Amino acid sequence: MQRQKHLIVIGGATASGKTAAAIAVARHFGAEILSADSRQFYREMSIGTAKPTAEELAQAPHHFIDSLSITDEYTVGDFETQALALLSQLFEKQDLAVLVGGSGLFIRALCEGLDEFPDVPKAIVEAVEEKLEQEGIAALQAELQVLDPVYHAQVDLQNPHRLIRALSVCQASGRAFSSFRSQEKKPRFFQPIYVLMEMERPVLYDRINRRVDAMMQLGLLEEARALYPQRHLNALQTVGYQELFDFFDGKCSLEEAVEQIKMNSRRYAKRQSTWFRKDAHWEAFQPGEMGRLLAFLEDKIF
């Protein structure tokens, strides 16, 4: 009889201790790690995405980190297809794998499948993109608040790609984008076990602030400056880079840009936490509870 295959899914907000937990779990079970942090896919973005260090990467096999260039076109559907294919290979030789990251959409795509969305005419997408260019991201945020307050409360409001996608679907279909996001789960050849890394909000926010300071010391400013000529690419429409691009454009001081990174990172963490908490299947642990976490997983698996 073939043994049940398990995918240990470690999620949580930015700076909540996911990387360390994933490595500890992978080492304990002799498993390999798949990244579901879509920002860490890109080779050119390292400091600002808090990628695992070389020492951390050496502790367990990792997949989907540094797998793309920022110039590559890549969708969550591409990730679903590639990750399922990789898991099929991994499960031929072992019964466990670990998925880690804070990108809820990518986690959901792999574990449950993508929702079916209507086709959107190119003219509608271009009109929304033009509105972004002429009126700024705040105009898209305001329109989404009106057309789909549910998704407005969940989405990364600083990600123009996500806003354009949602508004285009709303306009093309006459329905809220979120109304297409409740399809039935697709069958999978593995059983997910959902682990949520979390901590008290003041502690998390302090960790985020300290992490941003550490990123600046490691050379985030220089990394962003090298990427500045390509700032229009979707991959770079993200916290940690956009704020420094504003500094390069003379819109704010460096000190103000760093404070904006901290503030936007805290806001992003709050949205991530809200997304993870809405599903009851997540079992919560704090970074100092690795013993309890491993015991929980042993009980679930064996």
Protein backbone atom coordinates (compact mmCIF):
# COMPACT_ATOMS: atom_id res chain seq x y z
CA MET A 1 0.00 0.00 0.00
CA GLN A 2 1.39 3.40 -0.98
CA ARG A 3 2.06 5.70 1.94
CA GLN A 4 0.23 9.03 2.20
CA LYS A 5 2.27 11.96 0.92
CA HIS A 6 2.30 15.13 3.02
CA LEU A 7 3.15 18.73 2.15
CA ILE A 8 4.04 20.67 5.28
CA VAL A 9 2.96 24.25 4.53
CA ILE A 10 4.67 26.89 6.68
CA GLY A 11 3.06 30.29 6.28
CA GLY A 12 2.97 33.57 8.11
CA ALA A 13 3.65 37.27 7.87
CA THR A 14 6.96 38.71 6.80
CA ALA A 15 9.66 38.43 9.53
CA SER A 16 7.63 35.86 11.52
CA GLY A 17 10.34 33.18 11.49
CA LYS A 18 9.18 31.06 8.54
CA THR A 19 12.63 30.44 7.05
CA ALA A 20 14.16 29.11 10.27
CA ALA A 21 11.10 26.95 10.96
CA ALA A 22 11.10 25.49 7.45
CA ILE A 23 14.79 24.59 7.64
CA ALA A 24 14.35 22.98 11.07
CA VAL A 25 11.38 20.93 9.83
CA ALA A 26 13.14 19.93 6.60
CA ARG A 27 16.25 18.80 8.48
CA HIS A 28 14.20 16.86 11.03
CA PHE A 29 12.32 14.90 8.36
CA GLY A 30 15.00 14.84 5.65
CA ALA A 31 12.72 16.79 3.32
CA GLU A 32 13.24 19.39 0.58
CA ILE A 33 11.87 22.94 0.61
CA LEU A 34 9.78 24.76 -2.00
CA SER A 35 9.55 28.54 -1.71
CA ALA A 36 6.13 30.15 -2.04
CA ASP A 37 7.53 33.64 -1.56
CA SER A 38 7.03 35.06 -5.04
CA ARG A 39 9.52 37.90 -4.44
CA GLN A 40 12.33 35.44 -3.74
CA PHE A 41 11.99 33.83 -7.17
CA TYR A 42 13.99 36.66 -8.76
CA ARG A 43 17.77 36.47 -8.90
CA GLU A 44 18.31 40.23 -8.98
CA MET A 45 16.30 40.84 -5.78
CA SER A 46 18.09 39.42 -2.74
CA ILE A 47 18.53 41.89 0.09
CA GLY A 48 15.10 43.50 -0.20
CA THR A 49 13.31 40.15 -0.30
CA ALA A 50 15.08 38.71 2.77
CA LYS A 51 16.16 35.58 0.94
CA PRO A 52 17.70 32.79 3.01
CA THR A 53 21.44 33.24 3.41
CA ALA A 54 23.95 30.95 1.72
CA GLU A 55 24.43 29.22 5.07
CA GLU A 56 20.67 28.67 5.41
CA LEU A 57 20.31 27.42 1.84
CA ALA A 58 23.09 24.90 2.49
CA GLN A 59 21.18 23.30 5.36
CA ALA A 60 18.42 21.83 3.15
CA PRO A 61 17.67 21.59 -0.58
CA HIS A 62 15.63 24.61 -1.73
CA HIS A 63 13.56 25.10 -4.89
CA PHE A 64 12.14 28.21 -6.62
CA ILE A 65 14.65 30.63 -5.05
CA ASP A 66 16.66 32.55 -7.68
CA SER A 67 14.75 30.61 -10.35
CA LEU A 68 13.76 33.64 -12.45
CA SER A 69 14.98 36.96 -13.78
CA ILE A 70 12.93 40.11 -13.17
CA THR A 71 12.51 40.31 -16.96
CA ASP A 72 10.75 36.93 -17.10
CA GLU A 73 6.99 36.78 -17.38
CA TYR A 74 5.73 34.44 -14.69
CA THR A 75 2.26 33.81 -13.28
CA VAL A 76 0.83 32.01 -10.29
CA GLY A 77 -0.50 29.47 -12.81
CA ASP A 78 3.07 28.80 -13.98
CA PHE A 79 4.05 28.22 -10.35
CA GLU A 80 1.16 25.82 -9.76
CA THR A 81 2.13 23.74 -12.80
CA GLN A 82 5.86 23.68 -12.03
CA ALA A 83 5.46 23.04 -8.30
CA LEU A 84 3.06 20.13 -8.88
CA ALA A 85 5.52 18.60 -11.34
CA LEU A 86 8.37 18.99 -8.86
CA LEU A 87 6.34 17.46 -6.03
CA SER A 88 5.55 14.46 -8.22
CA GLN A 89 9.28 13.88 -8.59
CA LEU A 90 10.07 14.46 -4.91
CA PHE A 91 7.32 12.15 -3.72
CA GLU A 92 8.76 9.30 -5.76
CA LYS A 93 11.65 9.11 -3.31
CA GLN A 94 10.19 10.53 -0.08
CA ASP A 95 6.85 11.00 1.61
CA LEU A 96 7.31 14.60 2.77
CA ALA A 97 8.07 18.02 1.35
CA VAL A 98 7.98 21.51 2.85
CA LEU A 99 6.37 24.60 1.30
CA VAL A 100 7.24 27.93 2.90
CA GLY A 101 6.31 31.53 2.18
CA GLY A 102 4.05 34.46 2.78
CA SER A 103 2.43 34.65 -0.67
CA GLY A 104 -1.02 33.30 0.14
CA LEU A 105 -2.13 33.16 -3.48
CA PHE A 106 0.80 30.91 -4.43
CA ILE A 107 0.18 28.63 -1.43
CA ARG A 108 -3.48 28.36 -2.31
CA ALA A 109 -2.73 27.67 -5.99
CA LEU A 110 -0.50 24.71 -5.15
CA CYS A 111 -2.64 23.23 -2.38
CA GLU A 112 -6.14 23.90 -3.69
CA GLY A 113 -5.86 24.96 -7.32
CA LEU A 114 -6.56 28.27 -8.99
CA ASP A 115 -9.99 29.78 -9.36
CA GLU A 116 -11.48 30.18 -12.83
CA PHE A 117 -11.66 33.80 -13.97
CA PRO A 118 -13.39 35.22 -17.05
CA ASP A 119 -11.42 36.38 -20.07
CA VAL A 120 -10.73 40.12 -19.97
CA PRO A 121 -10.53 42.15 -23.19
CA LYS A 122 -7.12 43.72 -23.69
CA ALA A 123 -8.74 47.16 -24.09
CA ILE A 124 -10.06 47.02 -20.52
CA VAL A 125 -6.66 46.10 -19.11
CA GLU A 126 -5.02 48.90 -21.06
CA ALA A 127 -7.61 51.40 -19.80
CA VAL A 128 -6.89 50.44 -16.18
CA GLU A 129 -3.15 50.67 -16.83
CA GLU A 130 -3.63 54.12 -18.32
CA LYS A 131 -5.57 55.21 -15.25
CA LEU A 132 -2.68 54.06 -13.08
CA GLU A 133 -0.22 56.04 -15.17
CA GLN A 134 -2.30 59.22 -15.20
CA GLU A 135 -3.88 59.22 -11.72
CA GLY A 136 -1.56 57.04 -9.63
CA ILE A 137 -2.05 53.93 -7.55
CA ALA A 138 -4.36 55.67 -5.06
CA ALA A 139 -7.01 55.99 -7.81
CA LEU A 140 -6.96 52.22 -8.37
CA GLN A 141 -7.13 51.57 -4.64
CA ALA A 142 -10.19 53.85 -4.34
CA GLU A 143 -11.96 52.23 -7.28
CA LEU A 144 -11.35 48.73 -5.92
CA GLN A 145 -12.75 49.84 -2.56
CA VAL A 146 -16.01 50.66 -4.36
CA LEU A 147 -16.16 47.68 -6.74
CA ASP A 148 -14.88 44.97 -4.39
CA PRO A 149 -14.40 45.96 -0.72
CA VAL A 150 -13.80 42.30 0.21
CA TYR A 151 -10.75 41.96 -2.03
CA HIS A 152 -9.66 45.51 -1.12
CA ALA A 153 -9.30 44.31 2.48
CA GLN A 154 -7.16 41.33 1.44
CA VAL A 155 -4.92 42.43 -1.44
CA ASP A 156 -1.51 44.06 -1.22
CA LEU A 157 -2.67 47.59 -2.01
CA GLN A 158 0.85 48.62 -3.01
CA ASN A 159 0.99 46.00 -5.78
CA PRO A 160 -0.30 47.65 -8.97
CA HIS A 161 -0.26 44.36 -10.90
CA ARG A 162 -2.79 42.84 -8.49
CA LEU A 163 -4.95 45.98 -8.56
CA ILE A 164 -4.98 46.10 -12.36
CA ARG A 165 -5.93 42.43 -12.53
CA ALA A 166 -8.78 42.77 -10.03
CA LEU A 167 -10.23 45.94 -11.53
CA SER A 168 -10.04 44.54 -15.05
CA VAL A 169 -12.02 41.46 -13.99
CA CYS A 170 -14.57 43.63 -12.15
CA GLN A 171 -15.11 45.84 -15.18
CA ALA A 172 -15.21 42.99 -17.71
CA SER A 173 -17.61 40.81 -15.72
CA GLY A 174 -19.70 43.31 -13.79
CA ARG A 175 -18.97 41.21 -10.70
CA ALA A 176 -16.62 41.54 -7.76
CA PHE A 177 -13.20 39.96 -8.32
CA SER A 178 -13.58 38.16 -4.98
CA SER A 179 -16.75 36.42 -6.20
CA PHE A 180 -14.61 34.29 -8.51
CA ARG A 181 -12.30 33.22 -5.68
CA SER A 182 -14.51 30.63 -3.96
CA GLN A 183 -14.35 27.74 -6.40
CA GLU A 184 -14.15 24.13 -5.21
CA LYS A 185 -10.76 22.78 -4.23
CA LYS A 186 -9.05 20.69 -6.88
CA PRO A 187 -7.95 17.15 -5.95
CA ARG A 188 -4.30 16.81 -4.99
CA PHE A 189 -2.04 13.75 -4.64
CA PHE A 190 -0.80 14.95 -1.25
CA GLN A 191 -2.24 16.02 2.08
CA PRO A 192 -1.30 19.55 3.20
CA ILE A 193 -0.52 20.20 6.85
CA TYR A 194 -0.84 23.92 7.56
CA VAL A 195 1.55 25.54 10.07
CA LEU A 196 1.29 29.26 10.84
CA MET A 197 4.25 31.10 12.34
CA GLU A 198 3.07 34.08 14.32
CA MET A 199 3.93 36.34 17.25
CA GLU A 200 2.48 39.30 19.13
CA ARG A 201 2.07 42.26 16.79
CA PRO A 202 4.40 44.66 18.70
CA VAL A 203 7.14 42.01 18.63
CA LEU A 204 6.59 41.37 14.91
CA TYR A 205 6.64 45.07 14.09
CA ASP A 206 9.87 45.53 16.02
CA ARG A 207 11.40 42.62 14.09
CA ILE A 208 10.30 44.23 10.81
CA ASN A 209 11.84 47.58 11.74
CA ARG A 210 15.11 45.92 12.74
CA ARG A 211 15.13 43.84 9.57
CA VAL A 212 14.78 46.95 7.38
CA ASP A 213 17.69 48.59 9.22
CA ALA A 214 19.75 45.43 8.67
CA MET A 215 18.83 45.40 4.97
CA MET A 216 20.08 48.95 4.60
CA GLN A 217 23.36 48.00 6.26
CA LEU A 218 23.70 45.01 3.93
CA GLY A 219 23.40 47.25 0.86
CA LEU A 220 19.72 47.53 -0.05
CA LEU A 221 20.27 51.06 -1.32
CA GLU A 222 22.89 49.88 -3.80
CA GLU A 223 20.75 46.90 -4.85
CA ALA A 224 17.79 49.19 -5.53
CA ARG A 225 19.98 51.68 -7.41
CA ALA A 226 21.16 48.91 -9.74
CA LEU A 227 17.53 47.94 -10.42
CA TYR A 228 16.26 51.52 -10.81
CA PRO A 229 16.54 51.57 -14.65
CA GLN A 230 14.08 48.63 -14.74
CA ARG A 231 11.70 50.02 -12.14
CA HIS A 232 8.72 49.64 -14.49
CA LEU A 233 8.86 45.82 -14.36
CA ASN A 234 6.12 44.02 -12.42
CA ALA A 235 8.64 42.19 -10.23
CA LEU A 236 9.87 45.51 -8.84
CA GLN A 237 6.43 46.87 -7.91
CA THR A 238 6.99 45.87 -4.32
CA VAL A 239 7.84 47.11 -0.85
CA GLY A 240 11.52 47.81 -0.26
CA TYR A 241 12.23 48.96 -3.80
CA GLN A 242 9.42 51.34 -4.72
CA GLU A 243 10.19 53.58 -1.74
CA LEU A 244 13.86 53.84 -2.70
CA PHE A 245 12.90 54.52 -6.31
CA ASP A 246 10.93 57.50 -4.97
CA PHE A 247 14.10 58.65 -3.21
CA PHE A 248 16.06 58.38 -6.46
CA ASP A 249 13.31 60.40 -8.17
CA GLY A 250 13.73 63.15 -5.57
CA LYS A 251 10.26 62.66 -4.10
CA CYS A 252 11.53 62.12 -0.55
CA SER A 253 14.67 61.97 1.55
CA LEU A 254 16.50 58.70 2.19
CA GLU A 255 15.40 58.78 5.82
CA GLU A 256 11.77 59.19 4.73
CA ALA A 257 12.13 56.34 2.22
CA VAL A 258 13.44 53.99 4.91
CA GLU A 259 10.56 54.92 7.23
CA GLN A 260 8.13 54.27 4.36
CA ILE A 261 9.66 50.82 3.83
CA LYS A 262 9.11 50.05 7.51
CA MET A 263 5.55 51.34 7.49
CA ASN A 264 4.59 49.57 4.25
CA SER A 265 6.23 46.35 5.47
CA ARG A 266 4.18 46.50 8.68
CA ARG A 267 1.01 47.09 6.66
CA TYR A 268 1.87 44.18 4.40
CA ALA A 269 2.46 41.95 7.43
CA LYS A 270 -0.94 42.93 8.83
CA ARG A 271 -2.65 41.98 5.56
CA GLN A 272 -0.76 38.68 5.46
CA SER A 273 -1.82 37.89 9.02
CA THR A 274 -5.44 38.66 8.16
CA TRP A 275 -5.28 36.34 5.13
CA PHE A 276 -3.84 33.43 7.09
CA ARG A 277 -6.17 33.81 10.07
CA LYS A 278 -9.32 33.63 7.96
CA ASP A 279 -8.82 29.87 7.44
CA ALA A 280 -9.23 27.65 10.50
CA HIS A 281 -6.96 24.91 9.15
CA TRP A 282 -3.78 26.76 10.17
CA GLU A 283 -2.16 25.56 13.42
CA ALA A 284 -0.30 28.48 15.02
CA PHE A 285 3.17 28.33 16.55
CA GLN A 286 5.72 30.88 17.74
CA PRO A 287 9.40 30.76 16.71
CA GLY A 288 10.44 29.45 20.14
CA GLU A 289 8.10 26.45 19.97
CA MET A 290 10.01 24.18 17.59
CA GLY A 291 9.71 21.22 19.94
CA ARG A 292 5.94 21.52 20.05
CA LEU A 293 5.81 22.10 16.29
CA LEU A 294 7.82 18.96 15.50
CA ALA A 295 5.70 16.91 17.92
CA PHE A 296 2.54 18.22 16.22
CA LEU A 297 3.87 17.21 12.80
CA GLU A 298 4.98 13.78 14.00
CA ASP A 299 1.49 13.17 15.34
CA LYS A 300 -0.15 14.33 12.09
CA ILE A 301 2.12 12.30 9.83
CA PHE A 302 2.73 9.09 11.76
